[in-house]
Amino acid sequence: MHEFSLVKKEVERVIAKVNGKKVKKVRFLLGRLAHGTPQSIKEAFKITTKDTILSTANIEVIVVEPQVKCNNCGKVFSVTKEINLSCPDCNSKSNELASGEECYIENIEVEN
């Protein structure tokens, strides 16, 4: 369960940042290409936050679809099911992954 260690690390990072304030909500970004599912992230969050200031926090898992950035013209485009990695504007195959591997807490909401 690779996502467990990632979630645990993220939870520890949040606890260190909130200075003892109770956390109400957490928004977790999970790239479609990352290991794990929304359900496995939620389960790992539940386990790793037990007996912490995040234990009653709600978690929202946002799935991020993969996108590719063309190194030739700079266009960012979605990866289709056919996995055609040619740029739709310039047809270049020189590109890099721009999103889709995220696995981190993006935002937290704390009580006043």
PDB file of N, CA and C in Angstrom:
ATOM      1  N   MET A   1       0.848  -1.181   0.000  1.00  0.00           N
ATOM      2  CA  MET A   1       0.000   0.000   0.000  1.00  0.00           C
ATOM      3  C   MET A   1       0.895   1.247   0.000  1.00  0.00           C
ATOM      4  N   HIS A   2       1.401   1.591  -1.169  1.00  0.00           N
ATOM      5  CA  HIS A   2       2.296   2.724  -1.380  1.00  0.00           C
ATOM      6  C   HIS A   2       1.647   4.042  -0.976  1.00  0.00           C
ATOM      7  N   GLU A   3       0.365   4.191  -1.249  1.00  0.00           N
ATOM      8  CA  GLU A   3      -0.308   5.456  -0.945  1.00  0.00           C
ATOM      9  C   GLU A   3      -0.383   5.728   0.555  1.00  0.00           C
ATOM     10  N   PHE A   4      -0.346   4.686   1.371  1.00  0.00           N
ATOM     11  CA  PHE A   4      -0.390   4.871   2.817  1.00  0.00           C
ATOM     12  C   PHE A   4       0.786   5.733   3.295  1.00  0.00           C
ATOM     13  N   SER A   5       1.988   5.410   2.847  1.00  0.00           N
ATOM     14  CA  SER A   5       3.158   6.183   3.275  1.00  0.00           C
ATOM     15  C   SER A   5       3.111   7.612   2.746  1.00  0.00           C
ATOM     16  N   LEU A   6       2.595   7.797   1.537  1.00  0.00           N
ATOM     17  CA  LEU A   6       2.460   9.144   0.984  1.00  0.00           C
ATOM     18  C   LEU A   6       1.457   9.969   1.781  1.00  0.00           C
ATOM     19  N   VAL A   7       0.327   9.372   2.117  1.00  0.00           N
ATOM     20  CA  VAL A   7      -0.694  10.078   2.895  1.00  0.00           C
ATOM     21  C   VAL A   7      -0.161  10.386   4.286  1.00  0.00           C
ATOM     22  N   LYS A   8       0.529   9.448   4.889  1.00  0.00           N
ATOM     23  CA  LYS A   8       1.091   9.660   6.228  1.00  0.00           C
ATOM     24  C   LYS A   8       2.049  10.849   6.223  1.00  0.00           C
ATOM     25  N   LYS A   9       2.897  10.930   5.223  1.00  0.00           N
ATOM     26  CA  LYS A   9       3.841  12.036   5.099  1.00  0.00           C
ATOM     27  C   LYS A   9       3.093  13.368   4.942  1.00  0.00           C
ATOM     28  N   GLU A  10       2.043  13.384   4.143  1.00  0.00           N
ATOM     29  CA  GLU A  10       1.246  14.593   3.945  1.00  0.00           C
ATOM     30  C   GLU A  10       0.541  15.006   5.241  1.00  0.00           C
ATOM     31  N   VAL A  11       0.008  14.035   5.963  1.00  0.00           N
ATOM     32  CA  VAL A  11      -0.671  14.317   7.231  1.00  0.00           C
ATOM     33  C   VAL A  11       0.330  14.920   8.221  1.00  0.00           C
ATOM     34  N   GLU A  12       1.517  14.364   8.298  1.00  0.00           N
ATOM     35  CA  GLU A  12       2.544  14.900   9.194  1.00  0.00           C
ATOM     36  C   GLU A  12       2.921  16.330   8.818  1.00  0.00           C
ATOM     37  N   ARG A  13       2.977  16.604   7.535  1.00  0.00           N
ATOM     38  CA  ARG A  13       3.297  17.961   7.045  1.00  0.00           C
ATOM     39  C   ARG A  13       2.221  18.949   7.473  1.00  0.00           C
ATOM     40  N   VAL A  14       0.951  18.545   7.356  1.00  0.00           N
ATOM     41  CA  VAL A  14      -0.157  19.420   7.749  1.00  0.00           C
ATOM     42  C   VAL A  14      -0.144  19.660   9.256  1.00  0.00           C
ATOM     43  N   ILE A  15       0.034  18.611  10.032  1.00  0.00           N
ATOM     44  CA  ILE A  15       0.058  18.754  11.492  1.00  0.00           C
ATOM     45  C   ILE A  15       1.135  19.751  11.908  1.00  0.00           C
ATOM     46  N   ALA A  16       2.281  19.704  11.272  1.00  0.00           N
ATOM     47  CA  ALA A  16       3.373  20.620  11.591  1.00  0.00           C
ATOM     48  C   ALA A  16       3.029  22.068  11.238  1.00  0.00           C
ATOM     49  N   LYS A  17       2.169  22.280  10.248  1.00  0.00           N
ATOM     50  CA  LYS A  17       1.841  23.630   9.784  1.00  0.00           C
ATOM     51  C   LYS A  17       0.704  24.306  10.548  1.00  0.00           C
ATOM     52  N   VAL A  18      -0.221  23.550  11.108  1.00  0.00           N
ATOM     53  CA  VAL A  18      -1.444  24.160  11.652  1.00  0.00           C
ATOM     54  C   VAL A  18      -1.314  24.640  13.092  1.00  0.00           C
ATOM     55  N   ASN A  19      -0.185  24.449  13.716  1.00  0.00           N
ATOM     56  CA  ASN A  19       0.060  24.949  15.071  1.00  0.00           C
ATOM     57  C   ASN A  19      -1.039  24.575  16.064  1.00  0.00           C
ATOM     58  N   GLY A  20      -1.470  23.337  16.041  1.00  0.00           N
ATOM     59  CA  GLY A  20      -2.444  22.849  17.012  1.00  0.00           C
ATOM     60  C   GLY A  20      -3.893  23.159  16.695  1.00  0.00           C
ATOM     61  N   LYS A  21      -4.160  23.910  15.627  1.00  0.00           N
ATOM     62  CA  LYS A  21      -5.545  24.209  15.258  1.00  0.00           C
ATOM     63  C   LYS A  21      -6.203  22.955  14.694  1.00  0.00           C
ATOM     64  N   LYS A  22      -7.484  22.818  14.963  1.00  0.00           N
ATOM     65  CA  LYS A  22      -8.225  21.668  14.466  1.00  0.00           C
ATOM     66  C   LYS A  22      -8.530  21.858  12.975  1.00  0.00           C
ATOM     67  N   VAL A  23      -8.287  20.829  12.201  1.00  0.00           N
ATOM     68  CA  VAL A  23      -8.511  20.883  10.757  1.00  0.00           C
ATOM     69  C   VAL A  23      -9.917  20.385  10.445  1.00  0.00           C
ATOM     70  N   LYS A  24     -10.661  21.198   9.673  1.00  0.00           N
ATOM     71  CA  LYS A  24     -12.036  20.835   9.304  1.00  0.00           C
ATOM     72  C   LYS A  24     -12.096  20.073   7.985  1.00  0.00           C
ATOM     73  N   LYS A  25     -11.278  20.495   7.023  1.00  0.00           N
ATOM     74  CA  LYS A  25     -11.369  19.896   5.685  1.00  0.00           C
ATOM     75  C   LYS A  25      -9.997  19.878   5.029  1.00  0.00           C
ATOM     76  N   VAL A  26      -9.772  18.825   4.259  1.00  0.00           N
ATOM     77  CA  VAL A  26      -8.527  18.643   3.514  1.00  0.00           C
ATOM     78  C   VAL A  26      -8.888  18.354   2.063  1.00  0.00           C
ATOM     79  N   ARG A  27      -8.210  19.043   1.136  1.00  0.00           N
ATOM     80  CA  ARG A  27      -8.385  18.744  -0.295  1.00  0.00           C
ATOM     81  C   ARG A  27      -7.108  18.064  -0.771  1.00  0.00           C
ATOM     82  N   PHE A  28      -7.256  16.835  -1.247  1.00  0.00           N
ATOM     83  CA  PHE A  28      -6.136  15.996  -1.660  1.00  0.00           C
ATOM     84  C   PHE A  28      -6.176  15.839  -3.173  1.00  0.00           C
ATOM     85  N   LEU A  29      -5.078  16.167  -3.845  1.00  0.00           N
ATOM     86  CA  LEU A  29      -4.990  15.973  -5.299  1.00  0.00           C
ATOM     87  C   LEU A  29      -4.378  14.614  -5.589  1.00  0.00           C
ATOM     88  N   LEU A  30      -5.051  13.867  -6.434  1.00  0.00           N
ATOM     89  CA  LEU A  30      -4.584  12.533  -6.825  1.00  0.00           C
ATOM     90  C   LEU A  30      -4.590  12.436  -8.345  1.00  0.00           C
ATOM     91  N   GLY A  31      -3.398  12.399  -8.920  1.00  0.00           N
ATOM     92  CA  GLY A  31      -3.293  12.260 -10.366  1.00  0.00           C
ATOM     93  C   GLY A  31      -3.747  10.890 -10.827  1.00  0.00           C
ATOM     94  N   ARG A  32      -4.379  10.856 -11.975  1.00  0.00           N
ATOM     95  CA  ARG A  32      -4.870   9.595 -12.537  1.00  0.00           C
ATOM     96  C   ARG A  32      -3.730   8.593 -12.730  1.00  0.00           C
ATOM     97  N   LEU A  33      -2.503   9.090 -12.945  1.00  0.00           N
ATOM     98  CA  LEU A  33      -1.358   8.210 -13.154  1.00  0.00           C
ATOM     99  C   LEU A  33      -0.627   7.849 -11.871  1.00  0.00           C
ATOM    100  N   ALA A  34      -1.027   8.456 -10.760  1.00  0.00           N
ATOM    101  CA  ALA A  34      -0.406   8.154  -9.466  1.00  0.00           C
ATOM    102  C   ALA A  34      -0.928   6.820  -8.957  1.00  0.00           C
ATOM    103  N   HIS A  35      -0.201   6.262  -8.025  1.00  0.00           N
ATOM    104  CA  HIS A  35      -0.647   5.011  -7.424  1.00  0.00           C
ATOM    105  C   HIS A  35      -1.777   5.313  -6.459  1.00  0.00           C
ATOM    106  N   GLY A  36      -2.799   4.521  -6.498  1.00  0.00           N
ATOM    107  CA  GLY A  36      -3.897   4.684  -5.557  1.00  0.00           C
ATOM    108  C   GLY A  36      -5.191   5.092  -6.224  1.00  0.00           C
ATOM    109  N   THR A  37      -6.243   4.952  -5.459  1.00  0.00           N
ATOM    110  CA  THR A  37      -7.578   5.345  -5.887  1.00  0.00           C
ATOM    111  C   THR A  37      -8.118   6.328  -4.858  1.00  0.00           C
ATOM    112  N   PRO A  38      -9.146   7.072  -5.204  1.00  0.00           N
ATOM    113  CA  PRO A  38      -9.735   7.962  -4.196  1.00  0.00           C
ATOM    114  C   PRO A  38     -10.110   7.218  -2.917  1.00  0.00           C
ATOM    115  N   GLN A  39     -10.654   6.026  -3.044  1.00  0.00           N
ATOM    116  CA  GLN A  39     -11.049   5.256  -1.866  1.00  0.00           C
ATOM    117  C   GLN A  39      -9.840   4.848  -1.028  1.00  0.00           C
ATOM    118  N   SER A  40      -8.758   4.431  -1.668  1.00  0.00           N
ATOM    119  CA  SER A  40      -7.577   4.029  -0.897  1.00  0.00           C
ATOM    120  C   SER A  40      -6.942   5.234  -0.202  1.00  0.00           C
ATOM    121  N   ILE A  41      -6.984   6.399  -0.826  1.00  0.00           N
ATOM    122  CA  ILE A  41      -6.475   7.620  -0.200  1.00  0.00           C
ATOM    123  C   ILE A  41      -7.324   7.966   1.020  1.00  0.00           C
ATOM    124  N   LYS A  42      -8.640   7.865   0.878  1.00  0.00           N
ATOM    125  CA  LYS A  42      -9.535   8.159   2.002  1.00  0.00           C
ATOM    126  C   LYS A  42      -9.310   7.192   3.166  1.00  0.00           C
ATOM    127  N   GLU A  43      -9.118   5.928   2.858  1.00  0.00           N
ATOM    128  CA  GLU A  43      -8.867   4.937   3.913  1.00  0.00           C
ATOM    129  C   GLU A  43      -7.535   5.202   4.605  1.00  0.00           C
ATOM    130  N   ALA A  44      -6.506   5.495   3.829  1.00  0.00           N
ATOM    131  CA  ALA A  44      -5.203   5.792   4.411  1.00  0.00           C
ATOM    132  C   ALA A  44      -5.278   7.051   5.271  1.00  0.00           C
ATOM    133  N   PHE A  45      -6.046   8.036   4.837  1.00  0.00           N
ATOM    134  CA  PHE A  45      -6.220   9.268   5.607  1.00  0.00           C
ATOM    135  C   PHE A  45      -6.907   8.970   6.939  1.00  0.00           C
ATOM    136  N   LYS A  46      -7.933   8.150   6.892  1.00  0.00           N
ATOM    137  CA  LYS A  46      -8.660   7.794   8.111  1.00  0.00           C
ATOM    138  C   LYS A  46      -7.736   7.108   9.117  1.00  0.00           C
ATOM    139  N   ILE A  47      -6.908   6.206   8.638  1.00  0.00           N
ATOM    140  CA  ILE A  47      -5.995   5.463   9.517  1.00  0.00           C
ATOM    141  C   ILE A  47      -4.897   6.373  10.068  1.00  0.00           C
ATOM    142  N   THR A  48      -4.299   7.187   9.211  1.00  0.00           N
ATOM    143  CA  THR A  48      -3.162   7.999   9.642  1.00  0.00           C
ATOM    144  C   THR A  48      -3.559   9.206  10.487  1.00  0.00           C
ATOM    145  N   THR A  49      -4.825   9.597  10.456  1.00  0.00           N
ATOM    146  CA  THR A  49      -5.245  10.757  11.239  1.00  0.00           C
ATOM    147  C   THR A  49      -5.889  10.371  12.570  1.00  0.00           C
ATOM    148  N   LYS A  50      -6.036   9.087  12.826  1.00  0.00           N
ATOM    149  CA  LYS A  50      -6.650   8.654  14.082  1.00  0.00           C
ATOM    150  C   LYS A  50      -5.859   9.234  15.262  1.00  0.00           C
ATOM    151  N   ASP A  51      -6.587   9.791  16.218  1.00  0.00           N
ATOM    152  CA  ASP A  51      -5.998  10.388  17.423  1.00  0.00           C
ATOM    153  C   ASP A  51      -5.091  11.591  17.127  1.00  0.00           C
ATOM    154  N   THR A  52      -5.370  12.307  16.037  1.00  0.00           N
ATOM    155  CA  THR A  52      -4.636  13.539  15.722  1.00  0.00           C
ATOM    156  C   THR A  52      -5.638  14.684  15.588  1.00  0.00           C
ATOM    157  N   ILE A  53      -5.126  15.893  15.381  1.00  0.00           N
ATOM    158  CA  ILE A  53      -6.015  17.047  15.182  1.00  0.00           C
ATOM    159  C   ILE A  53      -6.739  16.995  13.839  1.00  0.00           C
ATOM    160  N   LEU A  54      -6.408  16.026  13.012  1.00  0.00           N
ATOM    161  CA  LEU A  54      -7.097  15.844  11.740  1.00  0.00           C
ATOM    162  C   LEU A  54      -8.138  14.727  11.791  1.00  0.00           C
ATOM    163  N   SER A  55      -8.323  14.123  12.951  1.00  0.00           N
ATOM    164  CA  SER A  55      -9.170  12.931  13.051  1.00  0.00           C
ATOM    165  C   SER A  55     -10.619  13.170  12.645  1.00  0.00           C
ATOM    166  N   THR A  56     -11.128  14.387  12.786  1.00  0.00           N
ATOM    167  CA  THR A  56     -12.521  14.654  12.402  1.00  0.00           C
ATOM    168  C   THR A  56     -12.617  15.426  11.089  1.00  0.00           C
ATOM    169  N   ALA A  57     -11.496  15.641  10.439  1.00  0.00           N
ATOM    170  CA  ALA A  57     -11.491  16.397   9.185  1.00  0.00           C
ATOM    171  C   ALA A  57     -12.126  15.591   8.055  1.00  0.00           C
ATOM    172  N   ASN A  58     -12.849  16.302   7.219  1.00  0.00           N
ATOM    173  CA  ASN A  58     -13.370  15.698   5.997  1.00  0.00           C
ATOM    174  C   ASN A  58     -12.283  15.765   4.937  1.00  0.00           C
ATOM    175  N   ILE A  59     -12.223  14.732   4.110  1.00  0.00           N
ATOM    176  CA  ILE A  59     -11.245  14.729   3.024  1.00  0.00           C
ATOM    177  C   ILE A  59     -11.978  14.708   1.694  1.00  0.00           C
ATOM    178  N   GLU A  60     -11.551  15.587   0.796  1.00  0.00           N
ATOM    179  CA  GLU A  60     -12.068  15.638  -0.558  1.00  0.00           C
ATOM    180  C   GLU A  60     -10.915  15.238  -1.474  1.00  0.00           C
ATOM    181  N   VAL A  61     -11.106  14.192  -2.254  1.00  0.00           N
ATOM    182  CA  VAL A  61     -10.065  13.741  -3.169  1.00  0.00           C
ATOM    183  C   VAL A  61     -10.436  14.208  -4.579  1.00  0.00           C
ATOM    184  N   ILE A  62      -9.565  15.013  -5.159  1.00  0.00           N
ATOM    185  CA  ILE A  62      -9.758  15.532  -6.517  1.00  0.00           C
ATOM    186  C   ILE A  62      -8.849  14.739  -7.447  1.00  0.00           C
ATOM    187  N   VAL A  63      -9.450  14.090  -8.437  1.00  0.00           N
ATOM    188  CA  VAL A  63      -8.675  13.313  -9.405  1.00  0.00           C
ATOM    189  C   VAL A  63      -8.238  14.249 -10.533  1.00  0.00           C
ATOM    190  N   VAL A  64      -6.926  14.270 -10.788  1.00  0.00           N
ATOM    191  CA  VAL A  64      -6.343  15.131 -11.809  1.00  0.00           C
ATOM    192  C   VAL A  64      -6.022  14.293 -13.042  1.00  0.00           C
ATOM    193  N   GLU A  65      -6.608  14.695 -14.156  1.00  0.00           N
ATOM    194  CA  GLU A  65      -6.380  13.973 -15.415  1.00  0.00           C
ATOM    195  C   GLU A  65      -5.002  14.313 -15.975  1.00  0.00           C
ATOM    196  N   PRO A  66      -4.369  13.368 -16.655  1.00  0.00           N
ATOM    197  CA  PRO A  66      -3.044  13.623 -17.227  1.00  0.00           C
ATOM    198  C   PRO A  66      -3.102  14.667 -18.344  1.00  0.00           C
ATOM    199  N   GLN A  67      -2.110  15.543 -18.340  1.00  0.00           N
ATOM    200  CA  GLN A  67      -1.930  16.503 -19.418  1.00  0.00           C
ATOM    201  C   GLN A  67      -0.457  16.522 -19.792  1.00  0.00           C
ATOM    202  N   VAL A  68      -0.196  16.832 -21.038  1.00  0.00           N
ATOM    203  CA  VAL A  68       1.152  16.841 -21.588  1.00  0.00           C
ATOM    204  C   VAL A  68       1.451  18.240 -22.111  1.00  0.00           C
ATOM    205  N   LYS A  69       2.700  18.682 -21.935  1.00  0.00           N
ATOM    206  CA  LYS A  69       3.130  19.976 -22.466  1.00  0.00           C
ATOM    207  C   LYS A  69       4.103  19.739 -23.608  1.00  0.00           C
ATOM    208  N   CYS A  70       3.821  20.352 -24.735  1.00  0.00           N
ATOM    209  CA  CYS A  70       4.689  20.241 -25.901  1.00  0.00           C
ATOM    210  C   CYS A  70       5.955  21.067 -25.662  1.00  0.00           C
ATOM    211  N   ASN A  71       7.113  20.444 -25.845  1.00  0.00           N
ATOM    212  CA  ASN A  71       8.383  21.156 -25.676  1.00  0.00           C
ATOM    213  C   ASN A  71       8.716  22.042 -26.871  1.00  0.00           C
ATOM    214  N   ASN A  72       7.998  21.863 -27.976  1.00  0.00           N
ATOM    215  CA  ASN A  72       8.259  22.642 -29.180  1.00  0.00           C
ATOM    216  C   ASN A  72       7.475  23.957 -29.181  1.00  0.00           C
ATOM    217  N   CYS A  73       6.152  23.890 -28.952  1.00  0.00           N
ATOM    218  CA  CYS A  73       5.328  25.105 -29.040  1.00  0.00           C
ATOM    219  C   CYS A  73       4.716  25.532 -27.701  1.00  0.00           C
ATOM    220  N   GLY A  74       4.832  24.685 -26.681  1.00  0.00           N
ATOM    221  CA  GLY A  74       4.326  25.052 -25.361  1.00  0.00           C
ATOM    222  C   GLY A  74       2.874  24.720 -25.084  1.00  0.00           C
ATOM    223  N   LYS A  75       2.181  24.173 -26.065  1.00  0.00           N
ATOM    224  CA  LYS A  75       0.766  23.828 -25.865  1.00  0.00           C
ATOM    225  C   LYS A  75       0.637  22.731 -24.804  1.00  0.00           C
ATOM    226  N   VAL A  76      -0.366  22.885 -23.927  1.00  0.00           N
ATOM    227  CA  VAL A  76      -0.692  21.859 -22.940  1.00  0.00           C
ATOM    228  C   VAL A  76      -1.972  21.185 -23.428  1.00  0.00           C
ATOM    229  N   PHE A  77      -1.936  19.853 -23.495  1.00  0.00           N
ATOM    230  CA  PHE A  77      -3.100  19.130 -24.007  1.00  0.00           C
ATOM    231  C   PHE A  77      -3.347  17.865 -23.213  1.00  0.00           C
ATOM    232  N   SER A  78      -4.595  17.433 -23.241  1.00  0.00           N
ATOM    233  CA  SER A  78      -5.000  16.228 -22.519  1.00  0.00           C
ATOM    234  C   SER A  78      -4.552  14.990 -23.261  1.00  0.00           C
ATOM    235  N   VAL A  79      -4.255  13.971 -22.493  1.00  0.00           N
ATOM    236  CA  VAL A  79      -3.895  12.680 -23.069  1.00  0.00           C
ATOM    237  C   VAL A  79      -5.194  11.923 -23.303  1.00  0.00           C
ATOM    238  N   THR A  80      -5.373  11.449 -24.521  1.00  0.00           N
ATOM    239  CA  THR A  80      -6.591  10.719 -24.849  1.00  0.00           C
ATOM    240  C   THR A  80      -6.418   9.238 -24.551  1.00  0.00           C
ATOM    241  N   LYS A  81      -7.490   8.502 -24.643  1.00  0.00           N
ATOM    242  CA  LYS A  81      -7.426   7.059 -24.400  1.00  0.00           C
ATOM    243  C   LYS A  81      -6.533   6.352 -25.403  1.00  0.00           C
ATOM    244  N   GLU A  82      -6.370   6.946 -26.587  1.00  0.00           N
ATOM    245  CA  GLU A  82      -5.499   6.345 -27.603  1.00  0.00           C
ATOM    246  C   GLU A  82      -4.028   6.610 -27.282  1.00  0.00           C
ATOM    247  N   ILE A  83      -3.761   7.463 -26.309  1.00  0.00           N
ATOM    248  CA  ILE A  83      -2.420   7.843 -25.902  1.00  0.00           C
ATOM    249  C   ILE A  83      -1.593   8.319 -27.099  1.00  0.00           C
ATOM    250  N   ASN A  84      -2.164   9.250 -27.845  1.00  0.00           N
ATOM    251  CA  ASN A  84      -1.446   9.909 -28.921  1.00  0.00           C
ATOM    252  C   ASN A  84      -0.716  11.090 -28.302  1.00  0.00           C
ATOM    253  N   LEU A  85       0.595  11.006 -28.222  1.00  0.00           N
ATOM    254  CA  LEU A  85       1.368  12.040 -27.567  1.00  0.00           C
ATOM    255  C   LEU A  85       1.888  13.102 -28.534  1.00  0.00           C
ATOM    256  N   SER A  86       1.405  13.103 -29.761  1.00  0.00           N
ATOM    257  CA  SER A  86       1.783  14.158 -30.697  1.00  0.00           C
ATOM    258  C   SER A  86       0.991  15.415 -30.371  1.00  0.00           C
ATOM    259  N   CYS A  87       1.663  16.562 -30.434  1.00  0.00           N
ATOM    260  CA  CYS A  87       1.005  17.833 -30.154  1.00  0.00           C
ATOM    261  C   CYS A  87      -0.075  18.098 -31.198  1.00  0.00           C
ATOM    262  N   PRO A  88      -1.279  18.455 -30.762  1.00  0.00           N
ATOM    263  CA  PRO A  88      -2.353  18.721 -31.715  1.00  0.00           C
ATOM    264  C   PRO A  88      -2.116  19.992 -32.533  1.00  0.00           C
ATOM    265  N   ASP A  89      -1.233  20.895 -32.092  1.00  0.00           N
ATOM    266  CA  ASP A  89      -0.969  22.134 -32.831  1.00  0.00           C
ATOM    267  C   ASP A  89       0.186  22.011 -33.809  1.00  0.00           C
ATOM    268  N   CYS A  90       1.319  21.444 -33.342  1.00  0.00           N
ATOM    269  CA  CYS A  90       2.511  21.427 -34.204  1.00  0.00           C
ATOM    270  C   CYS A  90       2.961  20.020 -34.589  1.00  0.00           C
ATOM    271  N   ASN A  91       2.283  19.000 -34.081  1.00  0.00           N
ATOM    272  CA  ASN A  91       2.567  17.597 -34.384  1.00  0.00           C
ATOM    273  C   ASN A  91       3.878  17.077 -33.796  1.00  0.00           C
ATOM    274  N   SER A  92       4.527  17.852 -32.959  1.00  0.00           N
ATOM    275  CA  SER A  92       5.784  17.428 -32.346  1.00  0.00           C
ATOM    276  C   SER A  92       5.529  16.293 -31.360  1.00  0.00           C
ATOM    277  N   LYS A  93       6.477  15.395 -31.277  1.00  0.00           N
ATOM    278  CA  LYS A  93       6.400  14.317 -30.292  1.00  0.00           C
ATOM    279  C   LYS A  93       7.319  14.604 -29.095  1.00  0.00           C
ATOM    280  N   SER A  94       7.943  15.774 -29.091  1.00  0.00           N
ATOM    281  CA  SER A  94       8.810  16.182 -27.986  1.00  0.00           C
ATOM    282  C   SER A  94       7.949  16.870 -26.933  1.00  0.00           C
ATOM    283  N   ASN A  95       7.647  16.137 -25.865  1.00  0.00           N
ATOM    284  CA  ASN A  95       6.777  16.700 -24.836  1.00  0.00           C
ATOM    285  C   ASN A  95       7.089  16.090 -23.482  1.00  0.00           C
ATOM    286  N   GLU A  96       6.460  16.645 -22.451  1.00  0.00           N
ATOM    287  CA  GLU A  96       6.661  16.148 -21.083  1.00  0.00           C
ATOM    288  C   GLU A  96       5.328  16.167 -20.347  1.00  0.00           C
ATOM    289  N   LEU A  97       5.236  15.327 -19.364  1.00  0.00           N
ATOM    290  CA  LEU A  97       4.029  15.240 -18.556  1.00  0.00           C
ATOM    291  C   LEU A  97       3.892  16.511 -17.726  1.00  0.00           C
ATOM    292  N   ALA A  98       2.739  17.178 -17.820  1.00  0.00           N
ATOM    293  CA  ALA A  98       2.492  18.421 -17.075  1.00  0.00           C
ATOM    294  C   ALA A  98       1.653  18.170 -15.832  1.00  0.00           C
ATOM    295  N   SER A  99       0.808  17.157 -15.864  1.00  0.00           N
ATOM    296  CA  SER A  99      -0.006  16.814 -14.694  1.00  0.00           C
ATOM    297  C   SER A  99      -0.482  15.373 -14.828  1.00  0.00           C
ATOM    298  N   GLY A 100      -0.953  14.850 -13.703  1.00  0.00           N
ATOM    299  CA  GLY A 100      -1.479  13.495 -13.709  1.00  0.00           C
ATOM    300  C   GLY A 100      -0.803  12.567 -12.720  1.00  0.00           C
ATOM    301  N   GLU A 101       0.296  13.045 -12.096  1.00  0.00           N
ATOM    302  CA  GLU A 101       0.998  12.222 -11.113  1.00  0.00           C
ATOM    303  C   GLU A 101       0.905  12.805  -9.700  1.00  0.00           C
ATOM    304  N   GLU A 102       0.052  13.797  -9.504  1.00  0.00           N
ATOM    305  CA  GLU A 102      -0.081  14.443  -8.202  1.00  0.00           C
ATOM    306  C   GLU A 102      -0.509  13.439  -7.131  1.00  0.00           C
ATOM    307  N   CYS A 103      -0.023  13.682  -5.921  1.00  0.00           N
ATOM    308  CA  CYS A 103      -0.432  12.862  -4.776  1.00  0.00           C
ATOM    309  C   CYS A 103      -0.063  13.640  -3.515  1.00  0.00           C
ATOM    310  N   TYR A 104      -0.844  14.685  -3.227  1.00  0.00           N
ATOM    311  CA  TYR A 104      -0.534  15.539  -2.089  1.00  0.00           C
ATOM    312  C   TYR A 104      -1.757  16.329  -1.633  1.00  0.00           C
ATOM    313  N   ILE A 105      -1.660  16.851  -0.418  1.00  0.00           N
ATOM    314  CA  ILE A 105      -2.709  17.707   0.123  1.00  0.00           C
ATOM    315  C   ILE A 105      -2.478  19.100  -0.442  1.00  0.00           C
ATOM    316  N   GLU A 106      -3.476  19.596  -1.161  1.00  0.00           N
ATOM    317  CA  GLU A 106      -3.366  20.903  -1.810  1.00  0.00           C
ATOM    318  C   GLU A 106      -3.833  22.030  -0.902  1.00  0.00           C
ATOM    319  N   ASN A 107      -4.851  21.762  -0.089  1.00  0.00           N
ATOM    320  CA  ASN A 107      -5.491  22.820   0.666  1.00  0.00           C
ATOM    321  C   ASN A 107      -6.060  22.266   1.956  1.00  0.00           C
ATOM    322  N   ILE A 108      -6.046  23.079   3.007  1.00  0.00           N
ATOM    323  CA  ILE A 108      -6.670  22.691   4.269  1.00  0.00           C
ATOM    324  C   ILE A 108      -7.538  23.830   4.767  1.00  0.00           C
ATOM    325  N   GLU A 109      -8.568  23.470   5.511  1.00  0.00           N
ATOM    326  CA  GLU A 109      -9.446  24.445   6.149  1.00  0.00           C
ATOM    327  C   GLU A 109      -9.413  24.165   7.653  1.00  0.00           C
ATOM    328  N   VAL A 110      -9.050  25.179   8.437  1.00  0.00           N
ATOM    329  CA  VAL A 110      -8.950  25.008   9.881  1.00  0.00           C
ATOM    330  C   VAL A 110     -10.040  25.795  10.601  1.00  0.00           C
ATOM    331  N   GLU A 111     -10.350  25.382  11.832  1.00  0.00           N
ATOM    332  CA  GLU A 111     -11.304  26.108  12.656  1.00  0.00           C
ATOM    333  C   GLU A 111     -10.638  27.367  13.178  1.00  0.00           C
ATOM    334  N   ASN A 112     -11.452  28.400  13.399  1.00  0.00           N
ATOM    335  CA  ASN A 112     -10.920  29.667  13.941  1.00  0.00           C
ATOM    336  C   ASN A 112     -10.593  29.551  15.390  1.00  0.00           C
TER     337      ASN A 112
END
